[in-house]
Each structure stands twice: as C-alpha cells, then as structure tokens.
C-alpha atoms as a PDB file:
ATOM      1  CA  MET A   1     -52.643 -35.705 138.897  1.00  0.00           C
ATOM      2  CA  THR A   2     -53.568 -36.218 142.558  1.00  0.00           C
ATOM      3  CA  TYR A   3     -55.211 -33.382 144.134  1.00  0.00           C
ATOM      4  CA  SER A   4     -52.399 -32.235 146.150  1.00  0.00           C
ATOM      5  CA  SER A   5     -50.284 -32.145 142.462  1.00  0.00           C
ATOM      6  CA  ALA A   6     -52.850 -29.714 141.501  1.00  0.00           C
ATOM      7  CA  ARG A   7     -52.193 -27.929 144.111  1.00  0.00           C
ATOM      8  CA  ASN A   8     -48.339 -27.420 143.882  1.00  0.00           C
ATOM      9  CA  LEU A   9     -48.055 -27.497 140.171  1.00  0.00           C
ATOM     10  CA  LEU A  10     -51.437 -24.575 139.469  1.00  0.00           C
ATOM     11  CA  PRO A  11     -49.603 -22.189 136.974  1.00  0.00           C
ATOM     12  CA  GLN A  12     -50.155 -18.252 138.144  1.00  0.00           C
ATOM     13  CA  ARG A  13     -52.997 -16.009 137.084  1.00  0.00           C
ATOM     14  CA  PRO A  14     -52.321 -13.229 134.805  1.00  0.00           C
ATOM     15  CA  SER A  15     -55.025 -10.648 136.656  1.00  0.00           C
ATOM     16  CA  ALA A  16     -57.930 -11.291 138.551  1.00  0.00           C
ATOM     17  CA  VAL A  17     -59.660  -8.735 136.699  1.00  0.00           C
ATOM     18  CA  LEU A  18     -58.243  -8.698 132.696  1.00  0.00           C
ATOM     19  CA  PRO A  19     -59.219 -12.205 130.658  1.00  0.00           C
ATOM     20  CA  ASP A  20     -56.118 -13.555 129.397  1.00  0.00           C
ATOM     21  CA  LEU A  21     -56.741 -16.302 126.200  1.00  0.00           C
ATOM     22  CA  ASP A  22     -52.662 -17.210 126.375  1.00  0.00           C
ATOM     23  CA  TYR A  23     -53.527 -18.593 130.097  1.00  0.00           C
ATOM     24  CA  LEU A  24     -56.563 -20.412 129.189  1.00  0.00           C
ATOM     25  CA  ILE A  25     -55.132 -22.258 126.178  1.00  0.00           C
ATOM     26  CA  HIS A  26     -52.464 -23.751 128.212  1.00  0.00           C
ATOM     27  CA  LEU A  27     -54.744 -24.513 131.039  1.00  0.00           C
ATOM     28  CA  ARG A  28     -55.474 -27.122 128.570  1.00  0.00           C
ATOM     29  CA  ARG A  29     -52.701 -29.740 130.419  1.00  0.00           C
ATOM     30  CA  TYR A  30     -54.618 -29.547 133.637  1.00  0.00           C
ATOM     31  CA  GLY A  31     -58.091 -30.568 131.705  1.00  0.00           C
ATOM     32  CA  LEU A  32     -56.635 -33.697 130.666  1.00  0.00           C
ATOM     33  CA  HIS A  33     -56.928 -34.982 133.751  1.00  0.00           C
ATOM     34  CA  LEU A  34     -60.211 -33.818 134.363  1.00  0.00           C
ATOM     35  CA  ASN A  35     -63.198 -36.931 133.686  1.00  0.00           C
ATOM     36  CA  LEU A  36     -66.364 -35.143 132.714  1.00  0.00           C
ATOM     37  CA  HIS A  37     -67.988 -38.998 133.324  1.00  0.00           C
ATOM     38  CA  ARG A  38     -67.244 -39.299 136.803  1.00  0.00           C
ATOM     39  CA  TYR A  39     -67.798 -37.707 140.318  1.00  0.00           C
ATOM     40  CA  ARG A  40     -65.905 -38.159 143.971  1.00  0.00           C
ATOM     41  CA  VAL A  41     -68.556 -36.895 146.359  1.00  0.00           C
ATOM     42  CA  CYS A  42     -67.166 -34.230 148.354  1.00  0.00           C
ATOM     43  CA  SER A  43     -67.919 -32.341 151.966  1.00  0.00           C
ATOM     44  CA  ARG A  44     -66.973 -28.737 151.691  1.00  0.00           C
ATOM     45  CA  LEU A  45     -69.752 -26.785 152.405  1.00  0.00           C
ATOM     46  CA  SER A  46     -69.081 -25.054 149.646  1.00  0.00           C
ATOM     47  CA  GLY A  47     -69.165 -27.426 146.553  1.00  0.00           C
ATOM     48  CA  ASN A  48     -71.715 -31.236 147.959  1.00  0.00           C
ATOM     49  CA  TYR A  49     -71.972 -32.986 144.568  1.00  0.00           C
ATOM     50  CA  LEU A  50     -75.205 -34.770 144.911  1.00  0.00           C
ATOM     51  CA  SER A  51     -75.571 -37.314 142.059  1.00  0.00           C
ATOM     52  CA  ARG A  52     -73.750 -38.906 139.176  1.00  0.00           C
ATOM     53  CA  LEU A  53     -73.505 -37.550 135.846  1.00  0.00           C
ATOM     54  CA  HIS A  54     -75.023 -40.349 133.145  1.00  0.00           C
ATOM     55  CA  GLY A  55     -71.681 -40.237 131.496  1.00  0.00           C
ATOM     56  CA  ARG A  56     -71.767 -41.300 127.362  1.00  0.00           C
ATOM     57  CA  GLY A  57     -75.428 -42.473 126.291  1.00  0.00           C
ATOM     58  CA  MET A  58     -75.544 -46.347 125.096  1.00  0.00           C
ATOM     59  CA  GLU A  59     -76.558 -47.174 121.591  1.00  0.00           C
ATOM     60  CA  PHE A  60     -78.204 -50.939 120.475  1.00  0.00           C
ATOM     61  CA  ASP A  61     -75.431 -52.221 118.208  1.00  0.00           C
ATOM     62  CA  GLU A  62     -76.585 -56.276 117.348  1.00  0.00           C
ATOM     63  CA  VAL A  63     -78.905 -59.914 119.031  1.00  0.00           C
ATOM     64  CA  ARG A  64     -76.386 -62.373 119.505  1.00  0.00           C
ATOM     65  CA  ALA A  65     -77.210 -65.236 121.888  1.00  0.00           C
ATOM     66  CA  TYR A  66     -76.534 -66.031 125.131  1.00  0.00           C
ATOM     67  CA  GLN A  67     -73.221 -66.267 127.492  1.00  0.00           C
ATOM     68  CA  PHE A  68     -73.075 -67.521 130.719  1.00  0.00           C
ATOM     69  CA  GLY A  69     -72.504 -64.187 132.724  1.00  0.00           C
ATOM     70  CA  ASP A  70     -74.142 -61.773 130.257  1.00  0.00           C
ATOM     71  CA  ASP A  71     -76.998 -59.074 132.709  1.00  0.00           C
ATOM     72  CA  PRO A  72     -80.049 -61.567 132.457  1.00  0.00           C
ATOM     73  CA  ARG A  73     -81.766 -58.282 132.371  1.00  0.00           C
ATOM     74  CA  SER A  74     -80.666 -57.262 128.489  1.00  0.00           C
ATOM     75  CA  ILE A  75     -82.501 -60.601 128.056  1.00  0.00           C
ATOM     76  CA  ASP A  76     -84.298 -60.294 123.703  1.00  0.00           C
ATOM     77  CA  TRP A  77     -87.479 -61.698 124.887  1.00  0.00           C
ATOM     78  CA  GLN A  78     -89.195 -61.610 121.666  1.00  0.00           C
ATOM     79  CA  VAL A  79     -86.415 -63.032 119.487  1.00  0.00           C
ATOM     80  CA  THR A  80     -85.599 -65.546 122.593  1.00  0.00           C
ATOM     81  CA  ALA A  81     -89.290 -66.833 122.614  1.00  0.00           C
ATOM     82  CA  ARG A  82     -89.507 -66.848 118.067  1.00  0.00           C
ATOM     83  CA  THR A  83     -86.077 -68.909 117.958  1.00  0.00           C
ATOM     84  CA  GLY A  84     -86.159 -71.424 121.331  1.00  0.00           C
ATOM     85  CA  ARG A  85     -83.042 -69.945 122.797  1.00  0.00           C
ATOM     86  CA  PRO A  86     -82.294 -67.649 125.102  1.00  0.00           C
ATOM     87  CA  HIS A  87     -80.595 -64.472 123.495  1.00  0.00           C
ATOM     88  CA  THR A  88     -79.374 -60.704 124.876  1.00  0.00           C
ATOM     89  CA  LYS A  89     -79.145 -58.315 123.646  1.00  0.00           C
ATOM     90  CA  VAL A  90     -75.456 -55.854 123.109  1.00  0.00           C
ATOM     91  CA  PHE A  91     -75.165 -52.151 123.486  1.00  0.00           C
ATOM     92  CA  ARG A  92     -71.963 -50.606 122.825  1.00  0.00           C
ATOM     93  CA  GLU A  93     -71.404 -46.836 124.671  1.00  0.00           C
ATOM     94  CA  GLU A  94     -71.651 -43.899 122.249  1.00  0.00           C
ATOM     95  CA  LYS A  95     -68.539 -42.400 120.299  1.00  0.00           C
ATOM     96  CA  GLU A  96     -69.309 -39.042 121.769  1.00  0.00           C
ATOM     97  CA  ARG A  97     -71.238 -37.122 124.388  1.00  0.00           C
ATOM     98  CA  PRO A  98     -72.364 -33.009 123.141  1.00  0.00           C
ATOM     99  CA  VAL A  99     -71.420 -30.595 125.806  1.00  0.00           C
ATOM    100  CA  TRP A 100     -72.743 -27.341 126.019  1.00  0.00           C
ATOM    101  CA  PHE A 101     -71.838 -24.655 128.266  1.00  0.00           C
ATOM    102  CA  LEU A 102     -73.595 -22.083 129.116  1.00  0.00           C
ATOM    103  CA  ILE A 103     -71.550 -18.932 130.686  1.00  0.00           C
ATOM    104  CA  ASP A 104     -73.559 -15.713 132.220  1.00  0.00           C
ATOM    105  CA  TYR A 105     -71.797 -12.697 131.876  1.00  0.00           C
ATOM    106  CA  SER A 106     -73.968 -10.304 133.246  1.00  0.00           C
ATOM    107  CA  PRO A 107     -72.985  -7.074 134.809  1.00  0.00           C
ATOM    108  CA  ALA A 108     -73.279  -9.106 138.494  1.00  0.00           C
ATOM    109  CA  MET A 109     -70.280 -11.394 136.850  1.00  0.00           C
ATOM    110  CA  PHE A 110     -68.229  -8.587 136.363  1.00  0.00           C
ATOM    111  CA  PHE A 111     -67.443  -8.617 140.557  1.00  0.00           C
ATOM    112  CA  ALA A 112     -65.684  -9.661 143.134  1.00  0.00           C
ATOM    113  CA  THR A 113     -63.494  -8.320 146.062  1.00  0.00           C
ATOM    114  CA  ARG A 114     -61.611 -11.180 146.661  1.00  0.00           C
ATOM    115  CA  GLY A 115     -59.939 -13.923 143.848  1.00  0.00           C
ATOM    116  CA  ALA A 116     -60.294 -13.016 140.934  1.00  0.00           C
ATOM    117  CA  LEU A 117     -63.787 -11.509 138.713  1.00  0.00           C
ATOM    118  CA  LYS A 118     -66.284 -13.920 138.297  1.00  0.00           C
ATOM    119  CA  ALA A 119     -66.692 -13.288 135.190  1.00  0.00           C
ATOM    120  CA  ILE A 120     -62.305 -14.745 135.573  1.00  0.00           C
ATOM    121  CA  LEU A 121     -63.184 -17.516 137.111  1.00  0.00           C
ATOM    122  CA  ALA A 122     -66.482 -18.761 135.124  1.00  0.00           C
ATOM    123  CA  ASN A 123     -63.828 -18.597 132.166  1.00  0.00           C
ATOM    124  CA  GLU A 124     -61.578 -20.768 134.136  1.00  0.00           C
ATOM    125  CA  TYR A 125     -64.226 -23.705 134.842  1.00  0.00           C
ATOM    126  CA  ALA A 126     -65.342 -23.319 131.107  1.00  0.00           C
ATOM    127  CA  ALA A 127     -61.554 -24.213 129.587  1.00  0.00           C
ATOM    128  CA  LEU A 128     -60.724 -26.789 131.986  1.00  0.00           C
ATOM    129  CA  LEU A 129     -63.983 -28.901 130.942  1.00  0.00           C
ATOM    130  CA  ALA A 130     -63.624 -27.796 127.726  1.00  0.00           C
ATOM    131  CA  TRP A 131     -59.874 -28.887 127.468  1.00  0.00           C
ATOM    132  CA  SER A 132     -61.337 -32.662 129.394  1.00  0.00           C
ATOM    133  CA  ALA A 133     -64.469 -32.669 126.398  1.00  0.00           C
ATOM    134  CA  ILE A 134     -62.806 -32.299 123.326  1.00  0.00           C
ATOM    135  CA  GLU A 135     -59.693 -35.057 124.611  1.00  0.00           C
ATOM    136  CA  ARG A 136     -62.395 -37.374 124.944  1.00  0.00           C
ATOM    137  CA  GLY A 137     -63.367 -36.788 121.238  1.00  0.00           C
ATOM    138  CA  ASP A 138     -66.857 -34.924 122.665  1.00  0.00           C
ATOM    139  CA  ARG A 139     -68.568 -32.363 120.874  1.00  0.00           C
ATOM    140  CA  ILE A 140     -68.598 -29.048 122.463  1.00  0.00           C
ATOM    141  CA  GLY A 141     -70.686 -25.541 121.857  1.00  0.00           C
ATOM    142  CA  ALA A 142     -71.595 -22.625 124.093  1.00  0.00           C
ATOM    143  CA  MET A 143     -74.225 -19.934 124.963  1.00  0.00           C
ATOM    144  CA  ILE A 144     -73.217 -16.677 126.853  1.00  0.00           C
ATOM    145  CA  LEU A 145     -75.528 -15.717 128.174  1.00  0.00           C
ATOM    146  CA  ASP A 146     -75.897 -11.653 127.512  1.00  0.00           C
ATOM    147  CA  ASP A 147     -78.171  -8.932 126.686  1.00  0.00           C
ATOM    148  CA  GLN A 148     -77.026  -9.307 122.800  1.00  0.00           C
ATOM    149  CA  PRO A 149     -78.629 -10.253 119.562  1.00  0.00           C
ATOM    150  CA  LEU A 150     -77.576 -14.329 118.995  1.00  0.00           C
ATOM    151  CA  THR A 151     -73.866 -14.288 116.638  1.00  0.00           C
ATOM    152  CA  VAL A 152     -72.513 -17.471 115.858  1.00  0.00           C
ATOM    153  CA  ASN A 153     -69.468 -16.948 117.262  1.00  0.00           C
ATOM    154  CA  ARG A 154     -69.382 -14.316 119.543  1.00  0.00           C
ATOM    155  CA  ASN A 155     -71.901 -15.584 121.514  1.00  0.00           C
ATOM    156  CA  LEU A 156     -72.997 -18.156 120.373  1.00  0.00           C
ATOM    157  CA  PHE A 157     -71.157 -21.221 119.247  1.00  0.00           C
ATOM    158  CA  PRO A 158     -72.593 -24.398 117.605  1.00  0.00           C
ATOM    159  CA  PHE A 159     -71.400 -28.221 117.966  1.00  0.00           C
ATOM    160  CA  ARG A 160     -68.188 -29.111 116.934  1.00  0.00           C
ATOM    161  CA  GLN A 161     -65.373 -30.933 117.628  1.00  0.00           C
ATOM    162  CA  GLY A 162     -62.041 -30.456 118.620  1.00  0.00           C
ATOM    163  CA  SER A 163     -59.658 -27.886 119.882  1.00  0.00           C
ATOM    164  CA  ARG A 164     -60.160 -25.491 117.089  1.00  0.00           C
ATOM    165  CA  GLN A 165     -63.861 -25.031 118.805  1.00  0.00           C
ATOM    166  CA  VAL A 166     -62.016 -24.151 122.279  1.00  0.00           C
ATOM    167  CA  MET A 167     -59.660 -21.631 120.883  1.00  0.00           C
ATOM    168  CA  THR A 168     -62.954 -20.289 119.388  1.00  0.00           C
ATOM    169  CA  MET A 169     -65.329 -20.551 122.081  1.00  0.00           C
ATOM    170  CA  LEU A 170     -62.266 -18.684 124.887  1.00  0.00           C
ATOM    171  CA  GLY A 171     -61.899 -16.116 121.780  1.00  0.00           C
ATOM    172  CA  GLY A 172     -65.160 -15.456 121.940  1.00  0.00           C
ATOM    173  CA  LEU A 173     -65.070 -15.110 125.729  1.00  0.00           C
ATOM    174  CA  VAL A 174     -61.871 -12.978 125.752  1.00  0.00           C
ATOM    175  CA  LYS A 175     -62.817 -10.591 123.079  1.00  0.00           C
ATOM    176  CA  HIS A 176     -66.677 -10.393 124.727  1.00  0.00           C
ATOM    177  CA  GLU A 177     -67.432  -6.156 124.563  1.00  0.00           C
ATOM    178  CA  ALA A 178     -68.118  -6.778 128.296  1.00  0.00           C
ATOM    179  CA  TRP A 179     -64.760  -6.561 128.879  1.00  0.00           C
ATOM    180  CA  ARG A 180     -64.876  -2.828 127.694  1.00  0.00           C
ATOM    181  CA  GLY A 181     -67.854  -1.756 130.293  1.00  0.00           C
ATOM    182  CA  ARG A 182     -70.557  -3.253 128.253  1.00  0.00           C
ATOM    183  CA  GLN A 183     -72.646  -5.187 130.347  1.00  0.00           C
ATOM    184  CA  GLY A 184     -76.398  -5.482 129.731  1.00  0.00           C
ATOM    185  CA  THR A 185     -78.922  -7.473 132.346  1.00  0.00           C
ATOM    186  CA  LEU A 186     -80.559 -10.032 131.340  1.00  0.00           C
ATOM    187  CA  ASN A 187     -84.459 -10.180 132.304  1.00  0.00           C
ATOM    188  CA  ASP A 188     -86.132 -14.132 133.640  1.00  0.00           C
ATOM    189  CA  ASP A 189     -88.073 -13.050 129.303  1.00  0.00           C
ATOM    190  CA  LEU A 190     -84.934 -13.642 127.645  1.00  0.00           C
ATOM    191  CA  ARG A 191     -83.377 -15.924 130.043  1.00  0.00           C
ATOM    192  CA  PHE A 192     -85.613 -18.608 129.797  1.00  0.00           C
ATOM    193  CA  GLN A 193     -85.640 -17.934 125.462  1.00  0.00           C
ATOM    194  CA  ARG A 194     -81.996 -18.355 126.010  1.00  0.00           C
ATOM    195  CA  LEU A 195     -82.152 -21.486 128.571  1.00  0.00           C
ATOM    196  CA  SER A 196     -85.153 -22.987 126.139  1.00  0.00           C
ATOM    197  CA  LEU A 197     -82.856 -22.869 122.512  1.00  0.00           C
ATOM    198  CA  ALA A 198     -79.801 -24.191 124.315  1.00  0.00           C
ATOM    199  CA  ILE A 199     -82.150 -27.032 125.191  1.00  0.00           C
ATOM    200  CA  LYS A 200     -83.520 -27.220 121.939  1.00  0.00           C
ATOM    201  CA  LEU A 201     -79.478 -27.636 120.157  1.00  0.00           C
ATOM    202  CA  ALA A 202     -78.010 -29.907 123.002  1.00  0.00           C
ATOM    203  CA  GLY A 203     -80.305 -32.227 121.124  1.00  0.00           C
ATOM    204  CA  LYS A 204     -81.215 -35.675 123.845  1.00  0.00           C
ATOM    205  CA  GLY A 205     -78.297 -37.175 125.933  1.00  0.00           C
ATOM    206  CA  ALA A 206     -76.462 -34.166 125.966  1.00  0.00           C
ATOM    207  CA  LEU A 207     -74.512 -32.516 129.407  1.00  0.00           C
ATOM    208  CA  LEU A 208     -75.407 -29.131 130.118  1.00  0.00           C
ATOM    209  CA  ILE A 209     -72.827 -26.733 131.322  1.00  0.00           C
ATOM    210  CA  LEU A 210     -73.905 -23.635 133.622  1.00  0.00           C
ATOM    211  CA  VAL A 211     -71.807 -21.182 135.120  1.00  0.00           C
ATOM    212  CA  SER A 212     -73.365 -18.172 136.809  1.00  0.00           C
ATOM    213  CA  ASP A 213     -73.454 -16.939 140.206  1.00  0.00           C
ATOM    214  CA  GLY A 214     -77.088 -18.103 140.738  1.00  0.00           C
ATOM    215  CA  ARG A 215     -79.212 -15.143 139.895  1.00  0.00           C
ATOM    216  CA  PHE A 216     -79.395 -16.984 136.407  1.00  0.00           C
ATOM    217  CA  LEU A 217     -82.377 -19.618 138.152  1.00  0.00           C
ATOM    218  CA  GLN A 218     -83.791 -16.829 140.170  1.00  0.00           C
ATOM    219  CA  SER A 219     -87.966 -17.177 137.814  1.00  0.00           C
ATOM    220  CA  GLN A 220     -89.703 -19.876 138.553  1.00  0.00           C
ATOM    221  CA  MET A 221     -90.146 -20.099 135.195  1.00  0.00           C
ATOM    222  CA  VAL A 222     -86.808 -20.557 134.625  1.00  0.00           C
ATOM    223  CA  LYS A 223     -86.599 -23.071 137.305  1.00  0.00           C
ATOM    224  CA  GLN A 224     -88.859 -25.274 135.874  1.00  0.00           C
ATOM    225  CA  ARG A 225     -87.275 -25.060 131.948  1.00  0.00           C
ATOM    226  CA  PHE A 226     -84.178 -25.702 134.128  1.00  0.00           C
ATOM    227  CA  ARG A 227     -85.729 -28.771 135.884  1.00  0.00           C
ATOM    228  CA  GLN A 228     -87.345 -30.084 131.918  1.00  0.00           C
ATOM    229  CA  ALA A 229     -84.655 -30.035 131.119  1.00  0.00           C
ATOM    230  CA  LEU A 230     -82.949 -33.069 133.023  1.00  0.00           C
ATOM    231  CA  ARG A 231     -85.654 -35.836 131.361  1.00  0.00           C
ATOM    232  CA  HIS A 232     -82.868 -35.555 128.233  1.00  0.00           C
ATOM    233  CA  HIS A 233     -79.636 -34.669 129.534  1.00  0.00           C
ATOM    234  CA  ASP A 234     -77.559 -34.534 131.930  1.00  0.00           C
ATOM    235  CA  ILE A 235     -76.536 -30.971 134.303  1.00  0.00           C
ATOM    236  CA  CYS A 236     -73.777 -29.688 135.781  1.00  0.00           C
ATOM    237  CA  ASN A 237     -74.621 -26.483 137.806  1.00  0.00           C
ATOM    238  CA  ILE A 238     -72.089 -24.606 139.346  1.00  0.00           C
ATOM    239  CA  LEU A 239     -73.044 -21.399 141.082  1.00  0.00           C
ATOM    240  CA  LEU A 240     -69.660 -18.245 141.910  1.00  0.00           C
ATOM    241  CA  PHE A 241     -69.352 -15.788 144.862  1.00  0.00           C
ATOM    242  CA  ASP A 242     -67.501 -13.572 146.522  1.00  0.00           C
ATOM    243  CA  PRO A 243     -67.527 -14.694 150.339  1.00  0.00           C
ATOM    244  CA  PHE A 244     -68.072 -10.541 150.319  1.00  0.00           C
ATOM    245  CA  GLU A 245     -71.265 -11.682 149.734  1.00  0.00           C
ATOM    246  CA  ALA A 246     -72.559 -15.025 151.399  1.00  0.00           C
ATOM    247  CA  ARG A 247     -71.021 -12.926 154.766  1.00  0.00           C
ATOM    248  CA  LEU A 248     -70.821  -9.020 154.953  1.00  0.00           C
ATOM    249  CA  PRO A 249     -68.108  -7.356 156.969  1.00  0.00           C
ATOM    250  CA  SER A 250     -68.884  -4.458 159.932  1.00  0.00           C
ATOM    251  CA  ALA A 251     -66.315  -2.314 157.880  1.00  0.00           C
ATOM    252  CA  GLY A 252     -68.383   0.628 157.217  1.00  0.00           C
ATOM    253  CA  ILE A 253     -69.352   2.613 153.931  1.00  0.00           C
ATOM    254  CA  LEU A 254     -68.265   0.480 151.008  1.00  0.00           C
ATOM    255  CA  PRO A 255     -68.284   1.982 148.356  1.00  0.00           C
ATOM    256  CA  ILE A 256     -69.529  -0.855 145.354  1.00  0.00           C
ATOM    257  CA  ARG A 257     -68.546  -0.411 141.825  1.00  0.00           C
ATOM    258  CA  HIS A 258     -70.673  -2.878 138.780  1.00  0.00           C
ATOM    259  CA  ASN A 259     -69.060  -1.383 135.839  1.00  0.00           C
ATOM    260  CA  GLU A 260     -66.749   1.541 135.380  1.00  0.00           C
ATOM    261  CA  LYS A 261     -70.273   3.949 134.967  1.00  0.00           C
ATOM    262  CA  HIS A 262     -71.640   2.569 138.551  1.00  0.00           C
ATOM    263  CA  LEU A 263     -70.500   3.515 141.767  1.00  0.00           C
ATOM    264  CA  VAL A 264     -72.971   2.925 144.677  1.00  0.00           C
ATOM    265  CA  TYR A 265     -72.211   2.783 148.973  1.00  0.00           C
ATOM    266  CA  LEU A 266     -73.107   0.432 150.827  1.00  0.00           C
ATOM    267  CA  ASP A 267     -73.815   0.978 155.119  1.00  0.00           C
ATOM    268  CA  SER A 268     -72.138  -2.639 155.811  1.00  0.00           C
ATOM    269  CA  ASP A 269     -72.795  -1.647 159.927  1.00  0.00           C
ATOM    270  CA  ASP A 270     -76.960  -1.558 159.129  1.00  0.00           C
ATOM    271  CA  ARG A 271     -77.801  -4.582 160.169  1.00  0.00           C
ATOM    272  CA  LYS A 272     -80.922  -4.608 157.875  1.00  0.00           C
ATOM    273  CA  THR A 273     -78.568  -4.441 155.186  1.00  0.00           C
ATOM    274  CA  ARG A 274     -76.351  -7.465 156.107  1.00  0.00           C
ATOM    275  CA  GLU A 275     -79.182  -9.263 157.217  1.00  0.00           C
ATOM    276  CA  ARG A 276     -80.918  -8.355 153.190  1.00  0.00           C
ATOM    277  CA  LEU A 277     -77.791  -9.270 151.130  1.00  0.00           C
ATOM    278  CA  HIS A 278     -77.500 -12.778 153.389  1.00  0.00           C
ATOM    279  CA  ARG A 279     -81.125 -13.919 152.484  1.00  0.00           C
ATOM    280  CA  GLN A 280     -80.648 -12.534 149.261  1.00  0.00           C
ATOM    281  CA  PHE A 281     -77.546 -15.239 149.403  1.00  0.00           C
ATOM    282  CA  GLN A 282     -78.894 -17.550 150.422  1.00  0.00           C
ATOM    283  CA  GLN A 283     -81.578 -17.620 147.988  1.00  0.00           C
ATOM    284  CA  ARG A 284     -78.928 -17.850 145.080  1.00  0.00           C
ATOM    285  CA  LEU A 285     -78.060 -20.979 147.196  1.00  0.00           C
ATOM    286  CA  LYS A 286     -81.558 -22.349 146.717  1.00  0.00           C
ATOM    287  CA  SER A 287     -81.234 -22.255 142.942  1.00  0.00           C
ATOM    288  CA  LEU A 288     -78.166 -24.484 143.096  1.00  0.00           C
ATOM    289  CA  LYS A 289     -79.902 -26.681 144.883  1.00  0.00           C
ATOM    290  CA  PHE A 290     -83.464 -26.997 143.771  1.00  0.00           C
ATOM    291  CA  CYS A 291     -82.954 -30.354 141.648  1.00  0.00           C
ATOM    292  CA  ASP A 292     -80.591 -32.403 144.101  1.00  0.00           C
ATOM    293  CA  GLY A 293     -81.012 -36.088 144.351  1.00  0.00           C
ATOM    294  CA  GLN A 294     -82.221 -36.170 140.957  1.00  0.00           C
ATOM    295  CA  SER A 295     -80.299 -38.544 138.559  1.00  0.00           C
ATOM    296  CA  GLY A 296     -77.731 -36.938 136.164  1.00  0.00           C
ATOM    297  CA  TYR A 297     -77.904 -33.451 138.078  1.00  0.00           C
ATOM    298  CA  VAL A 298     -74.279 -32.576 139.842  1.00  0.00           C
ATOM    299  CA  SER A 299     -74.096 -28.842 141.906  1.00  0.00           C
ATOM    300  CA  MET A 300     -70.975 -27.143 143.203  1.00  0.00           C
ATOM    301  CA  ALA A 301     -70.415 -23.689 144.765  1.00  0.00           C
ATOM    302  CA  CYS A 302     -67.603 -22.313 144.439  1.00  0.00           C
ATOM    303  CA  SER A 303     -65.638 -19.161 146.080  1.00  0.00           C
ATOM    304  CA  THR A 304     -63.947 -16.330 143.895  1.00  0.00           C
ATOM    305  CA  GLU A 305     -61.042 -17.679 146.291  1.00  0.00           C
ATOM    306  CA  ASP A 306     -60.519 -20.976 145.398  1.00  0.00           C
ATOM    307  CA  ALA A 307     -59.103 -22.793 142.038  1.00  0.00           C
ATOM    308  CA  PRO A 308     -60.786 -24.155 138.903  1.00  0.00           C
ATOM    309  CA  MET A 309     -58.565 -26.830 138.798  1.00  0.00           C
ATOM    310  CA  ILE A 310     -58.918 -27.768 142.545  1.00  0.00           C
ATOM    311  CA  ARG A 311     -62.262 -27.545 142.602  1.00  0.00           C
ATOM    312  CA  LEU A 312     -62.924 -29.726 139.311  1.00  0.00           C
ATOM    313  CA  GLN A 313     -60.215 -32.448 140.628  1.00  0.00           C
ATOM    314  CA  GLN A 314     -61.863 -32.965 143.673  1.00  0.00           C
ATOM    315  CA  VAL A 315     -65.293 -34.397 141.512  1.00  0.00           C
ATOM    316  CA  PHE A 316     -63.434 -35.265 138.170  1.00  0.00           C
ATOM    317  CA  GLY A 317     -60.235 -35.999 138.816  1.00  0.00           C
ATOM    318  CA  GLU A 318     -59.081 -39.572 137.498  1.00  0.00           C
END
C-alpha cells in the first residue's frame, strides 16, 4: 500500500472523543501493510525518524566450512586454528520478536481542540502497530500507564501471540475506566516503577513502543531509565500533541475542560501565558529527542489532526 492509497482508503473514524472497538479491529487490514523492522527518513517537522530499528535479532545456528561469498567477519578463528581450514559461524533470524506497548492514559491524553483526543489516537497507533506485529509472528504485550494497581487483562497484558492477544489489549483500552471520567495522574515515582517493570517484563531484544504526549518522560530519573533500556531493546517513541499546545492562538478567554469535573479558563491574549505554554511544549519535545542519534531509537511527533495510518505509512510502509 502506497502513501497515496493509504490516504484515499482510510476509513472514517466513528468518534473523535469515544473509543470504538469495531473500528480498531477494522484497522487490521491497514496494519498489515506496515513493517516494524524498516523505516524511511521523513523531513517533515512533525515526525523525524532518526535511526534504524534493529529488527529481529540473530541467533547462532552452526559452524561450517568457509565458502566463497561468506562474510569474513563471521569466521570462527578458534575452529579455523584447530582444523587448519577456514570455518565460519552461521546465524539465522530469530523466529519472533517481542513487541511491548506502553500506552499513556493520564488526564492530559484526554484532550484535543482539533482532530481527535490524544487517547483516541493512542489507541489507533497501538492497534495498527499491534496488527502489524502479529502478522509477522511477533508476540505482543502491553501496559496501560495509569495510577491504578496493575491487573492482568485490565491494564497489564503479558506477552502472547495471535489476534486474540490484540483483541484483549484493544478491549482493555476501550473499556478502561478513564473513559468514564476516572483519570488519575502518575507521579514521577510511579512512572519510574511502571517503566522499570515494563523493561523487566520485556526481557531482552524487544521493541518498546511508548505512546504518550511527552509528559511521561519529564523527570530525569525516568529519562535515565528509558535511556538504559536502549542497551537491550529497540524503542519507538510516539509523542502526541494538539496544535493548540504547539501554538496558542490569541482568542480571548478560553474554557479548557480536562475531564467531566474540572473546567479552567485560559487567557490566550496574555503574552506571558502563551510564552509559558510554548516553553512547556518545547520541554515535551525534548523528551522525544533526548535519545536522538542512538542506535535502535526512533521518534515521531504526531498532531491530533494527523491520520495515524498515514504517519506510520511514511516510515514503516511496505
């Protein structure tokens, strides 16, 4: 599927503010055209991909006599010295690669002035990438980043293969109590604990996919733990933002509703207010780019107006 065909064939989102399980299931036909083991460089401001994912690991298969065309770097010098004939190590691609999703469900994710709520988009990005992963035989697991105790098949989904696992994960996202107004903020200690647990559960050689609005990676200790994960894992960091957050328009007093119970008013004509919000947004962008240039790390910033399939197609398209 090409970039243009993805744009023309995208289904209509049922709602910009409420999740729809049938729609997330329908995205399977689009996720099949994505490949998490490749990428393309994009020059757009909202979404620069900065390094290649490693893809599946390679595991040792056998040692055999060196043949013309073999990579000299794979020569087994110990066997060569013992036998007096050149031998080479043969590797094969691992049959599967674990893919672990970290999906932020903090209150700020339930906000948008254009497009769809960040949480709606987080579901769609996760669905597309999960369908892509299982198509290639990869196991997937997920953790919903909230302030509730971890419960299997509610906000914690251990590694499993197959479409049933994707359905279980998507069902957990759609049925999450945050959609009923129960949204709790994660403090830095809880963020660190959840990230550390996710890294531990992922084992080694996994692809970690974080979908958030950048606030999850604000503290230094969480950033450091995130950076350490790159020693053993690939990481795809997807940051969602609303155009309102990137550039506040001068439009007088604006009511901002964070959830069903909290309504605040913002003076968008106040220069200091606009500067403060701009600084906050720039800090969030820094949380996206602090691992730039490191092998195995890709990052993308996506507006609430962007279509997830098109954004992913630009980089992970077949």
